[in-house]
Amino acid sequence: MKRIFGGLQCLETRNKKFDETAKYPIIIMLNGAGSRGDDLEIVRDTVLLQYQSVHEGFPFIVFSPLCQENTWFDA
């Protein structure tokens, strides 16, 4: 599911057995410098999201923001 947070494109992924009535912990996965740009599909190629896609009961919601090209995630 694609979302926008604070102007950043973000991919939200849930497990295949997601229950709307349950509570889940959240993982915020910040991508590396090689995964920047405008194509949000870039973040799907990470190990964490590949793991989540094959483990139906993965008990987390994962938010993966995409850093725009020529910018950084700064604190």
PDB file of N, CA and C in Angstrom:
ATOM      1  N   MET A   1       0.839  -1.154   0.000  1.00  0.00           N
ATOM      2  CA  MET A   1       0.000   0.000   0.000  1.00  0.00           C
ATOM      3  C   MET A   1       0.898   1.234   0.000  1.00  0.00           C
ATOM      4  N   LYS A   2       0.662   2.137  -0.904  1.00  0.00           N
ATOM      5  CA  LYS A   2       1.474   3.352  -0.978  1.00  0.00           C
ATOM      6  C   LYS A   2       0.837   4.443  -0.133  1.00  0.00           C
ATOM      7  N   ARG A   3       1.674   5.187   0.580  1.00  0.00           N
ATOM      8  CA  ARG A   3       1.229   6.298   1.420  1.00  0.00           C
ATOM      9  C   ARG A   3       2.204   7.456   1.270  1.00  0.00           C
ATOM     10  N   ILE A   4       1.780   8.626   1.701  1.00  0.00           N
ATOM     11  CA  ILE A   4       2.650   9.806   1.739  1.00  0.00           C
ATOM     12  C   ILE A   4       2.702  10.290   3.183  1.00  0.00           C
ATOM     13  N   PHE A   5       3.900  10.408   3.746  1.00  0.00           N
ATOM     14  CA  PHE A   5       4.101  10.921   5.098  1.00  0.00           C
ATOM     15  C   PHE A   5       5.105  12.057   5.034  1.00  0.00           C
ATOM     16  N   GLY A   6       4.694  13.243   5.440  1.00  0.00           N
ATOM     17  CA  GLY A   6       5.604  14.385   5.455  1.00  0.00           C
ATOM     18  C   GLY A   6       6.249  14.643   4.105  1.00  0.00           C
ATOM     19  N   GLY A   7       5.537  14.380   3.033  1.00  0.00           N
ATOM     20  CA  GLY A   7       6.053  14.589   1.697  1.00  0.00           C
ATOM     21  C   GLY A   7       6.862  13.426   1.142  1.00  0.00           C
ATOM     22  N   LEU A   8       7.111  12.393   1.953  1.00  0.00           N
ATOM     23  CA  LEU A   8       7.865  11.221   1.502  1.00  0.00           C
ATOM     24  C   LEU A   8       6.911  10.121   1.040  1.00  0.00           C
ATOM     25  N   GLN A   9       7.236   9.522  -0.093  1.00  0.00           N
ATOM     26  CA  GLN A   9       6.515   8.318  -0.494  1.00  0.00           C
ATOM     27  C   GLN A   9       6.899   7.204   0.468  1.00  0.00           C
ATOM     28  N   CYS A  10       5.942   6.391   0.838  1.00  0.00           N
ATOM     29  CA  CYS A  10       6.204   5.322   1.786  1.00  0.00           C
ATOM     30  C   CYS A  10       5.423   4.087   1.368  1.00  0.00           C
ATOM     31  N   LEU A  11       6.075   2.943   1.426  1.00  0.00           N
ATOM     32  CA  LEU A  11       5.419   1.677   1.146  1.00  0.00           C
ATOM     33  C   LEU A  11       5.041   1.053   2.491  1.00  0.00           C
ATOM     34  N   GLU A  12       3.764   0.735   2.666  1.00  0.00           N
ATOM     35  CA  GLU A  12       3.300   0.059   3.874  1.00  0.00           C
ATOM     36  C   GLU A  12       2.970  -1.379   3.502  1.00  0.00           C
ATOM     37  N   THR A  13       3.608  -2.332   4.171  1.00  0.00           N
ATOM     38  CA  THR A  13       3.338  -3.737   3.889  1.00  0.00           C
ATOM     39  C   THR A  13       2.878  -4.436   5.163  1.00  0.00           C
ATOM     40  N   ARG A  14       1.947  -5.365   4.977  1.00  0.00           N
ATOM     41  CA  ARG A  14       1.374  -6.128   6.082  1.00  0.00           C
ATOM     42  C   ARG A  14       1.460  -7.606   5.747  1.00  0.00           C
ATOM     43  N   ASN A  15       1.351  -8.449   6.764  1.00  0.00           N
ATOM     44  CA  ASN A  15       1.416  -9.875   6.483  1.00  0.00           C
ATOM     45  C   ASN A  15       0.142 -10.333   5.765  1.00  0.00           C
ATOM     46  N   LYS A  16       0.221 -11.490   5.146  1.00  0.00           N
ATOM     47  CA  LYS A  16      -0.889 -11.995   4.336  1.00  0.00           C
ATOM     48  C   LYS A  16      -2.100 -12.368   5.175  1.00  0.00           C
ATOM     49  N   LYS A  17      -1.893 -12.603   6.456  1.00  0.00           N
ATOM     50  CA  LYS A  17      -2.993 -12.950   7.345  1.00  0.00           C
ATOM     51  C   LYS A  17      -3.368 -11.767   8.240  1.00  0.00           C
ATOM     52  N   PHE A  18      -3.199 -10.554   7.751  1.00  0.00           N
ATOM     53  CA  PHE A  18      -3.441  -9.346   8.529  1.00  0.00           C
ATOM     54  C   PHE A  18      -4.877  -9.307   9.038  1.00  0.00           C
ATOM     55  N   ASP A  19      -5.022  -9.009  10.307  1.00  0.00           N
ATOM     56  CA  ASP A  19      -6.328  -8.921  10.957  1.00  0.00           C
ATOM     57  C   ASP A  19      -6.558  -7.472  11.371  1.00  0.00           C
ATOM     58  N   GLU A  20      -7.549  -6.820  10.785  1.00  0.00           N
ATOM     59  CA  GLU A  20      -7.838  -5.406  11.065  1.00  0.00           C
ATOM     60  C   GLU A  20      -8.146  -5.148  12.541  1.00  0.00           C
ATOM     61  N   THR A  21      -8.587  -6.164  13.281  1.00  0.00           N
ATOM     62  CA  THR A  21      -8.952  -5.962  14.682  1.00  0.00           C
ATOM     63  C   THR A  21      -7.773  -6.163  15.623  1.00  0.00           C
ATOM     64  N   ALA A  22      -6.669  -6.696  15.119  1.00  0.00           N
ATOM     65  CA  ALA A  22      -5.493  -6.959  15.962  1.00  0.00           C
ATOM     66  C   ALA A  22      -4.558  -5.751  15.985  1.00  0.00           C
ATOM     67  N   LYS A  23      -3.669  -5.722  16.967  1.00  0.00           N
ATOM     68  CA  LYS A  23      -2.633  -4.694  17.060  1.00  0.00           C
ATOM     69  C   LYS A  23      -1.311  -5.316  16.640  1.00  0.00           C
ATOM     70  N   TYR A  24      -0.517  -4.562  15.887  1.00  0.00           N
ATOM     71  CA  TYR A  24       0.766  -5.047  15.396  1.00  0.00           C
ATOM     72  C   TYR A  24       1.859  -4.037  15.711  1.00  0.00           C
ATOM     73  N   PRO A  25       3.056  -4.518  16.032  1.00  0.00           N
ATOM     74  CA  PRO A  25       4.194  -3.598  16.139  1.00  0.00           C
ATOM     75  C   PRO A  25       4.585  -3.118  14.745  1.00  0.00           C
ATOM     76  N   ILE A  26       5.244  -1.986  14.705  1.00  0.00           N
ATOM     77  CA  ILE A  26       5.642  -1.369  13.435  1.00  0.00           C
ATOM     78  C   ILE A  26       7.163  -1.369  13.320  1.00  0.00           C
ATOM     79  N   ILE A  27       7.635  -1.680  12.123  1.00  0.00           N
ATOM     80  CA  ILE A  27       9.051  -1.537  11.786  1.00  0.00           C
ATOM     81  C   ILE A  27       9.149  -0.412  10.767  1.00  0.00           C
ATOM     82  N   ILE A  28      10.031   0.541  11.016  1.00  0.00           N
ATOM     83  CA  ILE A  28      10.302   1.591  10.023  1.00  0.00           C
ATOM     84  C   ILE A  28      11.650   1.249   9.414  1.00  0.00           C
ATOM     85  N   MET A  29      11.626   0.893   8.141  1.00  0.00           N
ATOM     86  CA  MET A  29      12.836   0.462   7.461  1.00  0.00           C
ATOM     87  C   MET A  29      13.363   1.605   6.583  1.00  0.00           C
ATOM     88  N   LEU A  30      14.504   2.157   6.961  1.00  0.00           N
ATOM     89  CA  LEU A  30      15.124   3.221   6.174  1.00  0.00           C
ATOM     90  C   LEU A  30      16.059   2.582   5.161  1.00  0.00           C
ATOM     91  N   ASN A  31      15.869   2.934   3.920  1.00  0.00           N
ATOM     92  CA  ASN A  31      16.659   2.348   2.842  1.00  0.00           C
ATOM     93  C   ASN A  31      18.058   2.952   2.788  1.00  0.00           C
ATOM     94  N   GLY A  32      18.943   2.263   2.099  1.00  0.00           N
ATOM     95  CA  GLY A  32      20.306   2.750   1.929  1.00  0.00           C
ATOM     96  C   GLY A  32      20.396   3.781   0.818  1.00  0.00           C
ATOM     97  N   ALA A  33      21.556   4.382   0.683  1.00  0.00           N
ATOM     98  CA  ALA A  33      21.759   5.450  -0.301  1.00  0.00           C
ATOM     99  C   ALA A  33      21.567   4.972  -1.738  1.00  0.00           C
ATOM    100  N   GLY A  34      21.716   3.674  -1.978  1.00  0.00           N
ATOM    101  CA  GLY A  34      21.528   3.141  -3.321  1.00  0.00           C
ATOM    102  C   GLY A  34      20.076   2.967  -3.708  1.00  0.00           C
ATOM    103  N   SER A  35      19.173   3.179  -2.763  1.00  0.00           N
ATOM    104  CA  SER A  35      17.735   3.017  -3.020  1.00  0.00           C
ATOM    105  C   SER A  35      17.016   4.344  -2.838  1.00  0.00           C
ATOM    106  N   ARG A  36      17.380   5.300  -3.672  1.00  0.00           N
ATOM    107  CA  ARG A  36      16.733   6.614  -3.630  1.00  0.00           C
ATOM    108  C   ARG A  36      16.131   6.899  -4.989  1.00  0.00           C
ATOM    109  N   GLY A  37      15.205   7.833  -5.017  1.00  0.00           N
ATOM    110  CA  GLY A  37      14.635   8.237  -6.295  1.00  0.00           C
ATOM    111  C   GLY A  37      13.140   8.434  -6.235  1.00  0.00           C
ATOM    112  N   ASP A  38      12.462   8.147  -7.354  1.00  0.00           N
ATOM    113  CA  ASP A  38      11.019   8.358  -7.464  1.00  0.00           C
ATOM    114  C   ASP A  38      10.224   7.064  -7.546  1.00  0.00           C
ATOM    115  N   ASP A  39      10.882   5.937  -7.780  1.00  0.00           N
ATOM    116  CA  ASP A  39      10.196   4.661  -7.973  1.00  0.00           C
ATOM    117  C   ASP A  39      10.100   3.915  -6.650  1.00  0.00           C
ATOM    118  N   LEU A  40       8.936   3.963  -6.027  1.00  0.00           N
ATOM    119  CA  LEU A  40       8.731   3.342  -4.728  1.00  0.00           C
ATOM    120  C   LEU A  40       8.948   1.834  -4.754  1.00  0.00           C
ATOM    121  N   GLU A  41       8.853   1.214  -5.910  1.00  0.00           N
ATOM    122  CA  GLU A  41       9.047  -0.233  -6.025  1.00  0.00           C
ATOM    123  C   GLU A  41      10.477  -0.646  -5.696  1.00  0.00           C
ATOM    124  N   ILE A  42      11.411   0.293  -5.688  1.00  0.00           N
ATOM    125  CA  ILE A  42      12.812   0.007  -5.347  1.00  0.00           C
ATOM    126  C   ILE A  42      12.913  -0.639  -3.972  1.00  0.00           C
ATOM    127  N   VAL A  43      12.105  -0.172  -3.021  1.00  0.00           N
ATOM    128  CA  VAL A  43      12.232  -0.678  -1.650  1.00  0.00           C
ATOM    129  C   VAL A  43      11.712  -2.103  -1.491  1.00  0.00           C
ATOM    130  N   ARG A  44      10.932  -2.604  -2.444  1.00  0.00           N
ATOM    131  CA  ARG A  44      10.433  -3.982  -2.361  1.00  0.00           C
ATOM    132  C   ARG A  44      11.557  -5.012  -2.482  1.00  0.00           C
ATOM    133  N   ASP A  45      12.711  -4.597  -2.965  1.00  0.00           N
ATOM    134  CA  ASP A  45      13.817  -5.521  -3.193  1.00  0.00           C
ATOM    135  C   ASP A  45      14.690  -5.721  -1.955  1.00  0.00           C
ATOM    136  N   THR A  46      14.242  -5.270  -0.795  1.00  0.00           N
ATOM    137  CA  THR A  46      15.041  -5.427   0.420  1.00  0.00           C
ATOM    138  C   THR A  46      14.818  -6.806   1.032  1.00  0.00           C
ATOM    139  N   VAL A  47      15.784  -7.265   1.787  1.00  0.00           N
ATOM    140  CA  VAL A  47      15.712  -8.580   2.416  1.00  0.00           C
ATOM    141  C   VAL A  47      14.510  -8.661   3.365  1.00  0.00           C
ATOM    142  N   LEU A  48      14.266  -7.609   4.134  1.00  0.00           N
ATOM    143  CA  LEU A  48      13.153  -7.628   5.087  1.00  0.00           C
ATOM    144  C   LEU A  48      11.812  -7.812   4.379  1.00  0.00           C
ATOM    145  N   LEU A  49      11.570  -7.078   3.300  1.00  0.00           N
ATOM    146  CA  LEU A  49      10.287  -7.201   2.601  1.00  0.00           C
ATOM    147  C   LEU A  49      10.185  -8.513   1.840  1.00  0.00           C
ATOM    148  N   GLN A  50      11.292  -9.042   1.366  1.00  0.00           N
ATOM    149  CA  GLN A  50      11.264 -10.362   0.736  1.00  0.00           C
ATOM    150  C   GLN A  50      10.919 -11.426   1.778  1.00  0.00           C
ATOM    151  N   TYR A  51      11.489 -11.309   2.964  1.00  0.00           N
ATOM    152  CA  TYR A  51      11.181 -12.236   4.056  1.00  0.00           C
ATOM    153  C   TYR A  51       9.700 -12.149   4.414  1.00  0.00           C
ATOM    154  N   GLN A  52       9.199 -10.936   4.547  1.00  0.00           N
ATOM    155  CA  GLN A  52       7.799 -10.733   4.909  1.00  0.00           C
ATOM    156  C   GLN A  52       6.859 -11.342   3.862  1.00  0.00           C
ATOM    157  N   SER A  53       7.227 -11.267   2.611  1.00  0.00           N
ATOM    158  CA  SER A  53       6.348 -11.746   1.547  1.00  0.00           C
ATOM    159  C   SER A  53       6.215 -13.274   1.533  1.00  0.00           C
ATOM    160  N   VAL A  54       7.182 -13.991   2.081  1.00  0.00           N
ATOM    161  CA  VAL A  54       7.098 -15.461   2.081  1.00  0.00           C
ATOM    162  C   VAL A  54       6.706 -16.049   3.437  1.00  0.00           C
ATOM    163  N   HIS A  55       6.648 -15.232   4.464  1.00  0.00           N
ATOM    164  CA  HIS A  55       6.243 -15.690   5.792  1.00  0.00           C
ATOM    165  C   HIS A  55       4.894 -15.058   6.135  1.00  0.00           C
ATOM    166  N   GLU A  56       3.839 -15.816   5.895  1.00  0.00           N
ATOM    167  CA  GLU A  56       2.480 -15.299   6.023  1.00  0.00           C
ATOM    168  C   GLU A  56       2.162 -14.735   7.402  1.00  0.00           C
ATOM    169  N   GLY A  57       2.754 -15.260   8.440  1.00  0.00           N
ATOM    170  CA  GLY A  57       2.449 -14.820   9.790  1.00  0.00           C
ATOM    171  C   GLY A  57       3.405 -13.776  10.339  1.00  0.00           C
ATOM    172  N   PHE A  58       4.213 -13.141   9.499  1.00  0.00           N
ATOM    173  CA  PHE A  58       5.178 -12.130   9.943  1.00  0.00           C
ATOM    174  C   PHE A  58       4.414 -11.069  10.740  1.00  0.00           C
ATOM    175  N   PRO A  59       4.652 -10.956  12.068  1.00  0.00           N
ATOM    176  CA  PRO A  59       3.772 -10.180  12.935  1.00  0.00           C
ATOM    177  C   PRO A  59       4.087  -8.690  13.032  1.00  0.00           C
ATOM    178  N   PHE A  60       4.397  -8.058  11.913  1.00  0.00           N
ATOM    179  CA  PHE A  60       4.731  -6.630  11.923  1.00  0.00           C
ATOM    180  C   PHE A  60       4.090  -5.931  10.726  1.00  0.00           C
ATOM    181  N   ILE A  61       3.875  -4.634  10.888  1.00  0.00           N
ATOM    182  CA  ILE A  61       3.577  -3.763   9.757  1.00  0.00           C
ATOM    183  C   ILE A  61       4.896  -3.056   9.460  1.00  0.00           C
ATOM    184  N   VAL A  62       5.281  -3.015   8.204  1.00  0.00           N
ATOM    185  CA  VAL A  62       6.555  -2.393   7.829  1.00  0.00           C
ATOM    186  C   VAL A  62       6.286  -1.139   7.004  1.00  0.00           C
ATOM    187  N   PHE A  63       6.850  -0.015   7.450  1.00  0.00           N
ATOM    188  CA  PHE A  63       6.804   1.230   6.694  1.00  0.00           C
ATOM    189  C   PHE A  63       8.190   1.445   6.095  1.00  0.00           C
ATOM    190  N   SER A  64       8.243   1.618   4.780  1.00  0.00           N
ATOM    191  CA  SER A  64       9.507   1.808   4.069  1.00  0.00           C
ATOM    192  C   SER A  64       9.449   3.117   3.290  1.00  0.00           C
ATOM    193  N   PRO A  65       9.909   4.223   3.887  1.00  0.00           N
ATOM    194  CA  PRO A  65       9.915   5.486   3.153  1.00  0.00           C
ATOM    195  C   PRO A  65      11.012   5.488   2.092  1.00  0.00           C
ATOM    196  N   LEU A  66      10.761   6.188   1.006  1.00  0.00           N
ATOM    197  CA  LEU A  66      11.742   6.291  -0.070  1.00  0.00           C
ATOM    198  C   LEU A  66      12.348   7.686  -0.056  1.00  0.00           C
ATOM    199  N   CYS A  67      13.631   7.731   0.174  1.00  0.00           N
ATOM    200  CA  CYS A  67      14.353   9.000   0.160  1.00  0.00           C
ATOM    201  C   CYS A  67      14.466   9.481  -1.284  1.00  0.00           C
ATOM    202  N   GLN A  68      14.188  10.755  -1.507  1.00  0.00           N
ATOM    203  CA  GLN A  68      14.287  11.310  -2.851  1.00  0.00           C
ATOM    204  C   GLN A  68      15.748  11.359  -3.309  1.00  0.00           C
ATOM    205  N   GLU A  69      15.927  11.355  -4.607  1.00  0.00           N
ATOM    206  CA  GLU A  69      17.267  11.392  -5.185  1.00  0.00           C
ATOM    207  C   GLU A  69      18.010  12.645  -4.726  1.00  0.00           C
ATOM    208  N   ASN A  70      19.300  12.497  -4.449  1.00  0.00           N
ATOM    209  CA  ASN A  70      20.186  13.576  -4.021  1.00  0.00           C
ATOM    210  C   ASN A  70      19.806  14.177  -2.670  1.00  0.00           C
ATOM    211  N   THR A  71      19.112  13.407  -1.812  1.00  0.00           N
ATOM    212  CA  THR A  71      18.799  13.838  -0.456  1.00  0.00           C
ATOM    213  C   THR A  71      19.163  12.706   0.503  1.00  0.00           C
ATOM    214  N   TRP A  72      19.082  13.004   1.802  1.00  0.00           N
ATOM    215  CA  TRP A  72      19.421  12.030   2.842  1.00  0.00           C
ATOM    216  C   TRP A  72      18.341  12.063   3.903  1.00  0.00           C
ATOM    217  N   PHE A  73      18.239  10.960   4.689  1.00  0.00           N
ATOM    218  CA  PHE A  73      17.420  10.959   5.892  1.00  0.00           C
ATOM    219  C   PHE A  73      18.310  11.526   6.991  1.00  0.00           C
ATOM    220  N   ASP A  74      18.053  12.739   7.432  1.00  0.00           N
ATOM    221  CA  ASP A  74      18.841  13.373   8.475  1.00  0.00           C
ATOM    222  C   ASP A  74      18.049  13.468   9.765  1.00  0.00           C
ATOM    223  N   ALA A  75      18.766  13.409  10.877  1.00  0.00           N
ATOM    224  CA  ALA A  75      18.096  13.552  12.183  1.00  0.00           C
ATOM    225  C   ALA A  75      17.974  15.018  12.534  1.00  0.00           C
TER     226      ALA A  75
END
